[in-house]
């Protein structure tokens, strides 16, 4: 991979991390809005709690996978830059 491609992919994964980090707060914000504005919950009881747990776990899995890919790409970028410094 070229350095430009790696930098583009790093930018994409940084945006994904921001998106997933924001998405982790959606259930909490929704509960806060329900308490403040007193409108009915869409899904209540055990099913609602179960779906929230699954949602948070999925978002966390996507977040951790994106973080892993980001670290891997940054290492690859650093290695390419070091090789260019040695040869140049």
PDB file of N, CA and C in Angstrom:
ATOM      1  N   UNK A   1       0.831  -1.178   0.000  1.00  0.00           N
ATOM      2  CA  UNK A   1       0.000   0.000   0.000  1.00  0.00           C
ATOM      3  C   UNK A   1       0.875   1.241   0.000  1.00  0.00           C
ATOM      4  N   UNK A   2       0.428   2.225  -0.715  1.00  0.00           N
ATOM      5  CA  UNK A   2       1.165   3.484  -0.740  1.00  0.00           C
ATOM      6  C   UNK A   2       0.793   4.327   0.474  1.00  0.00           C
ATOM      7  N   UNK A   3       1.646   5.290   0.743  1.00  0.00           N
ATOM      8  CA  UNK A   3       1.460   6.148   1.911  1.00  0.00           C
ATOM      9  C   UNK A   3       0.159   6.945   1.827  1.00  0.00           C
ATOM     10  N   UNK A   4      -0.187   7.403   0.633  1.00  0.00           N
ATOM     11  CA  UNK A   4      -1.415   8.195   0.458  1.00  0.00           C
ATOM     12  C   UNK A   4      -2.650   7.345   0.761  1.00  0.00           C
ATOM     13  N   UNK A   5      -2.646   6.096   0.287  1.00  0.00           N
ATOM     14  CA  UNK A   5      -3.778   5.205   0.549  1.00  0.00           C
ATOM     15  C   UNK A   5      -3.921   4.924   2.044  1.00  0.00           C
ATOM     16  N   UNK A   6      -2.789   4.726   2.701  1.00  0.00           N
ATOM     17  CA  UNK A   6      -2.820   4.457   4.137  1.00  0.00           C
ATOM     18  C   UNK A   6      -3.372   5.660   4.887  1.00  0.00           C
ATOM     19  N   UNK A   7      -2.943   6.864   4.514  1.00  0.00           N
ATOM     20  CA  UNK A   7      -3.446   8.067   5.186  1.00  0.00           C
ATOM     21  C   UNK A   7      -4.942   8.249   4.962  1.00  0.00           C
ATOM     22  N   UNK A   8      -5.435   7.911   3.763  1.00  0.00           N
ATOM     23  CA  UNK A   8      -6.876   8.003   3.493  1.00  0.00           C
ATOM     24  C   UNK A   8      -7.644   7.008   4.360  1.00  0.00           C
ATOM     25  N   UNK A   9      -7.128   5.788   4.473  1.00  0.00           N
ATOM     26  CA  UNK A   9      -7.802   4.779   5.293  1.00  0.00           C
ATOM     27  C   UNK A   9      -7.756   5.143   6.773  1.00  0.00           C
ATOM     28  N   UNK A  10      -6.639   5.736   7.213  1.00  0.00           N
ATOM     29  CA  UNK A  10      -6.544   6.190   8.603  1.00  0.00           C
ATOM     30  C   UNK A  10      -7.616   7.238   8.871  1.00  0.00           C
ATOM     31  N   UNK A  11      -7.800   8.147   7.931  1.00  0.00           N
ATOM     32  CA  UNK A  11      -8.823   9.185   8.084  1.00  0.00           C
ATOM     33  C   UNK A  11     -10.218   8.569   8.175  1.00  0.00           C
ATOM     34  N   UNK A  12     -10.477   7.568   7.353  1.00  0.00           N
ATOM     35  CA  UNK A  12     -11.783   6.891   7.374  1.00  0.00           C
ATOM     36  C   UNK A  12     -12.013   6.218   8.726  1.00  0.00           C
ATOM     37  N   UNK A  13     -11.009   5.505   9.230  1.00  0.00           N
ATOM     38  CA  UNK A  13     -11.173   4.810  10.508  1.00  0.00           C
ATOM     39  C   UNK A  13     -11.300   5.783  11.670  1.00  0.00           C
ATOM     40  N   UNK A  14     -10.641   6.935  11.590  1.00  0.00           N
ATOM     41  CA  UNK A  14     -10.814   7.939  12.645  1.00  0.00           C
ATOM     42  C   UNK A  14     -12.240   8.479  12.652  1.00  0.00           C
ATOM     43  N   UNK A  15     -12.820   8.664  11.464  1.00  0.00           N
ATOM     44  CA  UNK A  15     -14.217   9.107  11.392  1.00  0.00           C
ATOM     45  C   UNK A  15     -15.157   8.029  11.920  1.00  0.00           C
ATOM     46  N   UNK A  16     -14.870   6.766  11.591  1.00  0.00           N
ATOM     47  CA  UNK A  16     -15.694   5.668  12.098  1.00  0.00           C
ATOM     48  C   UNK A  16     -15.637   5.589  13.622  1.00  0.00           C
ATOM     49  N   UNK A  17     -14.452   5.782  14.182  1.00  0.00           N
ATOM     50  CA  UNK A  17     -14.329   5.756  15.640  1.00  0.00           C
ATOM     51  C   UNK A  17     -15.157   6.855  16.285  1.00  0.00           C
ATOM     52  N   UNK A  18     -15.161   8.024  15.678  1.00  0.00           N
ATOM     53  CA  UNK A  18     -15.980   9.122  16.204  1.00  0.00           C
ATOM     54  C   UNK A  18     -17.461   8.762  16.122  1.00  0.00           C
ATOM     55  N   UNK A  19     -17.873   8.182  15.003  1.00  0.00           N
ATOM     56  CA  UNK A  19     -19.267   7.786  14.817  1.00  0.00           C
ATOM     57  C   UNK A  19     -19.680   6.725  15.835  1.00  0.00           C
ATOM     58  N   UNK A  20     -18.854   5.689  15.998  1.00  0.00           N
ATOM     59  CA  UNK A  20     -19.187   4.624  16.938  1.00  0.00           C
ATOM     60  C   UNK A  20     -19.163   5.125  18.375  1.00  0.00           C
ATOM     61  N   UNK A  21     -18.242   6.029  18.696  1.00  0.00           N
ATOM     62  CA  UNK A  21     -18.198   6.591  20.048  1.00  0.00           C
ATOM     63  C   UNK A  21     -19.466   7.379  20.343  1.00  0.00           C
ATOM     64  N   UNK A  22     -19.944   8.108  19.357  1.00  0.00           N
ATOM     65  CA  UNK A  22     -21.192   8.856  19.512  1.00  0.00           C
ATOM     66  C   UNK A  22     -22.379   7.903  19.629  1.00  0.00           C
ATOM     67  N   UNK A  23     -22.365   6.838  18.843  1.00  0.00           N
ATOM     68  CA  UNK A  23     -23.475   5.886  18.847  1.00  0.00           C
ATOM     69  C   UNK A  23     -23.591   5.143  20.173  1.00  0.00           C
ATOM     70  N   UNK A  24     -22.495   5.024  20.907  1.00  0.00           N
ATOM     71  CA  UNK A  24     -22.561   4.352  22.208  1.00  0.00           C
ATOM     72  C   UNK A  24     -23.421   5.119  23.207  1.00  0.00           C
ATOM     73  N   UNK A  25     -23.569   6.425  23.008  1.00  0.00           N
ATOM     74  CA  UNK A  25     -24.336   7.246  23.945  1.00  0.00           C
ATOM     75  C   UNK A  25     -25.825   7.333  23.592  1.00  0.00           C
ATOM     76  N   UNK A  26     -26.239   6.773  22.471  1.00  0.00           N
ATOM     77  CA  UNK A  26     -27.634   6.882  22.031  1.00  0.00           C
ATOM     78  C   UNK A  26     -28.617   6.313  23.058  1.00  0.00           C
ATOM     79  N   UNK A  27     -28.411   5.112  23.609  1.00  0.00           N
ATOM     80  CA  UNK A  27     -29.382   4.612  24.599  1.00  0.00           C
ATOM     81  C   UNK A  27     -29.499   5.510  25.828  1.00  0.00           C
ATOM     82  N   UNK A  28     -28.394   6.029  26.304  1.00  0.00           N
ATOM     83  CA  UNK A  28     -28.433   6.916  27.470  1.00  0.00           C
ATOM     84  C   UNK A  28     -29.154   8.212  27.183  1.00  0.00           C
ATOM     85  N   UNK A  29     -28.908   8.785  26.021  1.00  0.00           N
ATOM     86  CA  UNK A  29     -29.581  10.028  25.632  1.00  0.00           C
ATOM     87  C   UNK A  29     -31.076   9.776  25.461  1.00  0.00           C
ATOM     88  N   UNK A  30     -31.424   8.633  24.872  1.00  0.00           N
ATOM     89  CA  UNK A  30     -32.838   8.295  24.697  1.00  0.00           C
ATOM     90  C   UNK A  30     -33.535   8.174  26.057  1.00  0.00           C
ATOM     91  N   UNK A  31     -32.906   7.493  27.015  1.00  0.00           N
ATOM     92  CA  UNK A  31     -33.500   7.377  28.355  1.00  0.00           C
ATOM     93  C   UNK A  31     -33.654   8.735  29.016  1.00  0.00           C
ATOM     94  N   UNK A  32     -32.682   9.604  28.839  1.00  0.00           N
ATOM     95  CA  UNK A  32     -32.761  10.950  29.398  1.00  0.00           C
ATOM     96  C   UNK A  32     -33.930  11.724  28.786  1.00  0.00           C
ATOM     97  N   UNK A  33     -34.102  11.610  27.472  1.00  0.00           N
ATOM     98  CA  UNK A  33     -35.218  12.296  26.812  1.00  0.00           C
ATOM     99  C   UNK A  33     -36.567  11.755  27.276  1.00  0.00           C
ATOM    100  N   UNK A  34     -36.644  10.433  27.497  1.00  0.00           N
ATOM    101  CA  UNK A  34     -37.889   9.834  27.985  1.00  0.00           C
ATOM    102  C   UNK A  34     -38.225  10.387  29.365  1.00  0.00           C
ATOM    103  N   UNK A  35     -37.219  10.521  30.228  1.00  0.00           N
ATOM    104  CA  UNK A  35     -37.462  11.031  31.580  1.00  0.00           C
ATOM    105  C   UNK A  35     -37.811  12.514  31.574  1.00  0.00           C
ATOM    106  N   UNK A  36     -37.152  13.286  30.726  1.00  0.00           N
ATOM    107  CA  UNK A  36     -37.386  14.735  30.717  1.00  0.00           C
ATOM    108  C   UNK A  36     -38.731  15.076  30.087  1.00  0.00           C
ATOM    109  N   UNK A  37     -38.995  14.537  28.892  1.00  0.00           N
ATOM    110  CA  UNK A  37     -40.196  14.925  28.149  1.00  0.00           C
ATOM    111  C   UNK A  37     -41.370  13.984  28.367  1.00  0.00           C
ATOM    112  N   UNK A  38     -41.162  12.904  29.114  1.00  0.00           N
ATOM    113  CA  UNK A  38     -42.236  12.012  29.531  1.00  0.00           C
ATOM    114  C   UNK A  38     -43.027  11.425  28.364  1.00  0.00           C
ATOM    115  N   UNK A  39     -42.344  11.085  27.267  1.00  0.00           N
ATOM    116  CA  UNK A  39     -43.051  10.383  26.197  1.00  0.00           C
ATOM    117  C   UNK A  39     -42.816   8.884  26.351  1.00  0.00           C
ATOM    118  N   UNK A  40     -43.731   8.057  25.805  1.00  0.00           N
ATOM    119  CA  UNK A  40     -43.648   6.611  26.059  1.00  0.00           C
ATOM    120  C   UNK A  40     -42.427   5.980  25.385  1.00  0.00           C
ATOM    121  N   UNK A  41     -41.901   4.957  26.052  1.00  0.00           N
ATOM    122  CA  UNK A  41     -40.773   4.221  25.483  1.00  0.00           C
ATOM    123  C   UNK A  41     -41.269   3.353  24.336  1.00  0.00           C
ATOM    124  N   UNK A  42     -40.395   3.145  23.365  1.00  0.00           N
ATOM    125  CA  UNK A  42     -40.771   2.304  22.230  1.00  0.00           C
ATOM    126  C   UNK A  42     -40.816   0.831  22.620  1.00  0.00           C
ATOM    127  N   UNK A  43     -39.779   0.374  23.304  1.00  0.00           N
ATOM    128  CA  UNK A  43     -39.722  -1.022  23.742  1.00  0.00           C
ATOM    129  C   UNK A  43     -39.390  -1.017  25.228  1.00  0.00           C
ATOM    130  N   UNK A  44     -40.225  -1.695  26.015  1.00  0.00           N
ATOM    131  CA  UNK A  44     -40.026  -1.682  27.468  1.00  0.00           C
ATOM    132  C   UNK A  44     -39.738  -3.082  27.978  1.00  0.00           C
ATOM    133  N   UNK A  45     -39.441  -3.172  29.246  1.00  0.00           N
ATOM    134  CA  UNK A  45     -39.270  -4.460  29.903  1.00  0.00           C
ATOM    135  C   UNK A  45     -37.964  -5.150  29.555  1.00  0.00           C
ATOM    136  N   UNK A  46     -38.009  -6.463  29.686  1.00  0.00           N
ATOM    137  CA  UNK A  46     -36.822  -7.276  29.465  1.00  0.00           C
ATOM    138  C   UNK A  46     -36.351  -7.201  28.019  1.00  0.00           C
ATOM    139  N   UNK A  47     -37.280  -7.178  27.082  1.00  0.00           N
ATOM    140  CA  UNK A  47     -36.900  -7.099  25.671  1.00  0.00           C
ATOM    141  C   UNK A  47     -36.144  -5.806  25.382  1.00  0.00           C
ATOM    142  N   UNK A  48     -36.606  -4.711  25.934  1.00  0.00           N
ATOM    143  CA  UNK A  48     -35.932  -3.434  25.726  1.00  0.00           C
ATOM    144  C   UNK A  48     -34.521  -3.441  26.283  1.00  0.00           C
ATOM    145  N   UNK A  49     -34.362  -3.983  27.486  1.00  0.00           N
ATOM    146  CA  UNK A  49     -33.029  -4.058  28.092  1.00  0.00           C
ATOM    147  C   UNK A  49     -32.116  -4.979  27.286  1.00  0.00           C
ATOM    148  N   UNK A  50     -32.666  -6.090  26.827  1.00  0.00           N
ATOM    149  CA  UNK A  50     -31.900  -7.042  26.023  1.00  0.00           C
ATOM    150  C   UNK A  50     -31.432  -6.401  24.717  1.00  0.00           C
ATOM    151  N   UNK A  51     -32.327  -5.683  24.047  1.00  0.00           N
ATOM    152  CA  UNK A  51     -31.961  -5.031  22.788  1.00  0.00           C
ATOM    153  C   UNK A  51     -30.921  -3.932  22.993  1.00  0.00           C
ATOM    154  N   UNK A  52     -31.011  -3.208  24.094  1.00  0.00           N
ATOM    155  CA  UNK A  52     -30.009  -2.175  24.391  1.00  0.00           C
ATOM    156  C   UNK A  52     -28.650  -2.818  24.626  1.00  0.00           C
ATOM    157  N   UNK A  53     -28.624  -3.926  25.352  1.00  0.00           N
ATOM    158  CA  UNK A  53     -27.354  -4.611  25.600  1.00  0.00           C
ATOM    159  C   UNK A  53     -26.752  -5.108  24.291  1.00  0.00           C
ATOM    160  N   UNK A  54     -27.569  -5.698  23.433  1.00  0.00           N
ATOM    161  CA  UNK A  54     -27.071  -6.165  22.134  1.00  0.00           C
ATOM    162  C   UNK A  54     -26.566  -4.996  21.303  1.00  0.00           C
ATOM    163  N   UNK A  55     -27.311  -3.891  21.295  1.00  0.00           N
ATOM    164  CA  UNK A  55     -26.900  -2.697  20.544  1.00  0.00           C
ATOM    165  C   UNK A  55     -25.542  -2.188  21.024  1.00  0.00           C
ATOM    166  N   UNK A  56     -25.388  -2.054  22.326  1.00  0.00           N
ATOM    167  CA  UNK A  56     -24.132  -1.540  22.878  1.00  0.00           C
ATOM    168  C   UNK A  56     -22.987  -2.508  22.588  1.00  0.00           C
ATOM    169  N   UNK A  57     -23.227  -3.809  22.715  1.00  0.00           N
ATOM    170  CA  UNK A  57     -22.178  -4.784  22.416  1.00  0.00           C
ATOM    171  C   UNK A  57     -21.757  -4.732  20.949  1.00  0.00           C
ATOM    172  N   UNK A  58     -22.725  -4.636  20.047  1.00  0.00           N
ATOM    173  CA  UNK A  58     -22.385  -4.553  18.620  1.00  0.00           C
ATOM    174  C   UNK A  58     -21.594  -3.291  18.305  1.00  0.00           C
ATOM    175  N   UNK A  59     -22.037  -2.171  18.837  1.00  0.00           N
ATOM    176  CA  UNK A  59     -21.312  -0.921  18.595  1.00  0.00           C
ATOM    177  C   UNK A  59     -19.909  -1.012  19.185  1.00  0.00           C
ATOM    178  N   UNK A  60     -19.774  -1.607  20.370  1.00  0.00           N
ATOM    179  CA  UNK A  60     -18.452  -1.755  20.978  1.00  0.00           C
ATOM    180  C   UNK A  60     -17.556  -2.671  20.148  1.00  0.00           C
ATOM    181  N   UNK A  61     -18.124  -3.740  19.591  1.00  0.00           N
ATOM    182  CA  UNK A  61     -17.345  -4.637  18.726  1.00  0.00           C
ATOM    183  C   UNK A  61     -16.872  -3.889  17.488  1.00  0.00           C
ATOM    184  N   UNK A  62     -17.765  -3.127  16.850  1.00  0.00           N
ATOM    185  CA  UNK A  62     -17.362  -2.345  15.674  1.00  0.00           C
ATOM    186  C   UNK A  62     -16.311  -1.305  16.046  1.00  0.00           C
ATOM    187  N   UNK A  63     -16.469  -0.674  17.215  1.00  0.00           N
ATOM    188  CA  UNK A  63     -15.508   0.330  17.669  1.00  0.00           C
ATOM    189  C   UNK A  63     -14.135  -0.296  17.897  1.00  0.00           C
ATOM    190  N   UNK A  64     -14.108  -1.450  18.572  1.00  0.00           N
ATOM    191  CA  UNK A  64     -12.819  -2.083  18.864  1.00  0.00           C
ATOM    192  C   UNK A  64     -12.156  -2.594  17.591  1.00  0.00           C
ATOM    193  N   UNK A  65     -12.928  -3.088  16.649  1.00  0.00           N
ATOM    194  CA  UNK A  65     -12.358  -3.539  15.369  1.00  0.00           C
ATOM    195  C   UNK A  65     -11.787  -2.352  14.594  1.00  0.00           C
ATOM    196  N   UNK A  66     -12.486  -1.244  14.603  1.00  0.00           N
ATOM    197  CA  UNK A  66     -11.981  -0.041  13.935  1.00  0.00           C
ATOM    198  C   UNK A  66     -10.713   0.461  14.610  1.00  0.00           C
ATOM    199  N   UNK A  67     -10.671   0.404  15.931  1.00  0.00           N
ATOM    200  CA  UNK A  67      -9.469   0.820  16.661  1.00  0.00           C
ATOM    201  C   UNK A  67      -8.297  -0.088  16.313  1.00  0.00           C
ATOM    202  N   UNK A  68      -8.542  -1.383  16.231  1.00  0.00           N
ATOM    203  CA  UNK A  68      -7.489  -2.331  15.860  1.00  0.00           C
ATOM    204  C   UNK A  68      -6.950  -2.013  14.470  1.00  0.00           C
ATOM    205  N   UNK A  69      -7.851  -1.789  13.515  1.00  0.00           N
ATOM    206  CA  UNK A  69      -7.421  -1.464  12.154  1.00  0.00           C
ATOM    207  C   UNK A  69      -6.666  -0.145  12.107  1.00  0.00           C
ATOM    208  N   UNK A  70      -7.098   0.824  12.879  1.00  0.00           N
ATOM    209  CA  UNK A  70      -6.426   2.121  12.913  1.00  0.00           C
ATOM    210  C   UNK A  70      -5.002   1.985  13.449  1.00  0.00           C
ATOM    211  N   UNK A  71      -4.831   1.233  14.520  1.00  0.00           N
ATOM    212  CA  UNK A  71      -3.492   1.028  15.081  1.00  0.00           C
ATOM    213  C   UNK A  71      -2.605   0.295  14.082  1.00  0.00           C
ATOM    214  N   UNK A  72      -3.174  -0.702  13.419  1.00  0.00           N
ATOM    215  CA  UNK A  72      -2.418  -1.461  12.425  1.00  0.00           C
ATOM    216  C   UNK A  72      -1.969  -0.564  11.269  1.00  0.00           C
ATOM    217  N   UNK A  73      -2.856   0.292  10.792  1.00  0.00           N
ATOM    218  CA  UNK A  73      -2.506   1.200   9.698  1.00  0.00           C
ATOM    219  C   UNK A  73      -1.470   2.234  10.127  1.00  0.00           C
ATOM    220  N   UNK A  74      -1.585   2.725  11.350  1.00  0.00           N
ATOM    221  CA  UNK A  74      -0.591   3.699  11.824  1.00  0.00           C
ATOM    222  C   UNK A  74       0.785   3.063  11.955  1.00  0.00           C
ATOM    223  N   UNK A  75       0.843   1.808  12.381  1.00  0.00           N
ATOM    224  CA  UNK A  75       2.129   1.104  12.430  1.00  0.00           C
ATOM    225  C   UNK A  75       2.707   0.938  11.030  1.00  0.00           C
ATOM    226  N   UNK A  76       1.838   0.579  10.081  1.00  0.00           N
ATOM    227  CA  UNK A  76       2.293   0.410   8.708  1.00  0.00           C
ATOM    228  C   UNK A  76       2.805   1.734   8.147  1.00  0.00           C
ATOM    229  N   UNK A  77       2.119   2.820   8.449  1.00  0.00           N
ATOM    230  CA  UNK A  77       2.549   4.147   7.991  1.00  0.00           C
ATOM    231  C   UNK A  77       3.904   4.501   8.594  1.00  0.00           C
ATOM    232  N   UNK A  78       4.062   4.239   9.881  1.00  0.00           N
ATOM    233  CA  UNK A  78       5.335   4.537  10.547  1.00  0.00           C
ATOM    234  C   UNK A  78       6.468   3.719   9.936  1.00  0.00           C
ATOM    235  N   UNK A  79       6.188   2.445   9.623  1.00  0.00           N
ATOM    236  CA  UNK A  79       7.207   1.589   9.025  1.00  0.00           C
ATOM    237  C   UNK A  79       7.607   2.105   7.644  1.00  0.00           C
ATOM    238  N   UNK A  80       6.639   2.535   6.850  1.00  0.00           N
ATOM    239  CA  UNK A  80       6.938   3.084   5.521  1.00  0.00           C
ATOM    240  C   UNK A  80       7.755   4.358   5.644  1.00  0.00           C
ATOM    241  N   UNK A  81       7.393   5.221   6.584  1.00  0.00           N
ATOM    242  CA  UNK A  81       8.150   6.462   6.774  1.00  0.00           C
ATOM    243  C   UNK A  81       9.582   6.181   7.228  1.00  0.00           C
ATOM    244  N   UNK A  82       9.769   5.182   8.093  1.00  0.00           N
ATOM    245  CA  UNK A  82      11.116   4.826   8.528  1.00  0.00           C
ATOM    246  C   UNK A  82      11.937   4.272   7.373  1.00  0.00           C
ATOM    247  N   UNK A  83      11.308   3.460   6.512  1.00  0.00           N
ATOM    248  CA  UNK A  83      12.022   2.923   5.349  1.00  0.00           C
ATOM    249  C   UNK A  83      12.411   4.042   4.397  1.00  0.00           C
ATOM    250  N   UNK A  84      11.531   5.031   4.225  1.00  0.00           N
ATOM    251  CA  UNK A  84      11.843   6.164   3.352  1.00  0.00           C
ATOM    252  C   UNK A  84      12.975   7.007   3.934  1.00  0.00           C
ATOM    253  N   UNK A  85      13.007   7.151   5.259  1.00  0.00           N
ATOM    254  CA  UNK A  85      14.084   7.919   5.897  1.00  0.00           C
ATOM    255  C   UNK A  85      15.433   7.227   5.732  1.00  0.00           C
ATOM    256  N   UNK A  86      15.436   5.900   5.837  1.00  0.00           N
ATOM    257  CA  UNK A  86      16.689   5.152   5.690  1.00  0.00           C
ATOM    258  C   UNK A  86      17.210   5.208   4.262  1.00  0.00           C
ATOM    259  N   UNK A  87      16.290   5.078   3.308  1.00  0.00           N
ATOM    260  CA  UNK A  87      16.729   5.060   1.904  1.00  0.00           C
ATOM    261  C   UNK A  87      17.000   6.457   1.362  1.00  0.00           C
ATOM    262  N   UNK A  88      16.391   7.471   1.958  1.00  0.00           N
ATOM    263  CA  UNK A  88      16.504   8.827   1.427  1.00  0.00           C
ATOM    264  C   UNK A  88      17.495   9.631   2.094  1.00  0.00           C
TER     265      UNK A  88
END
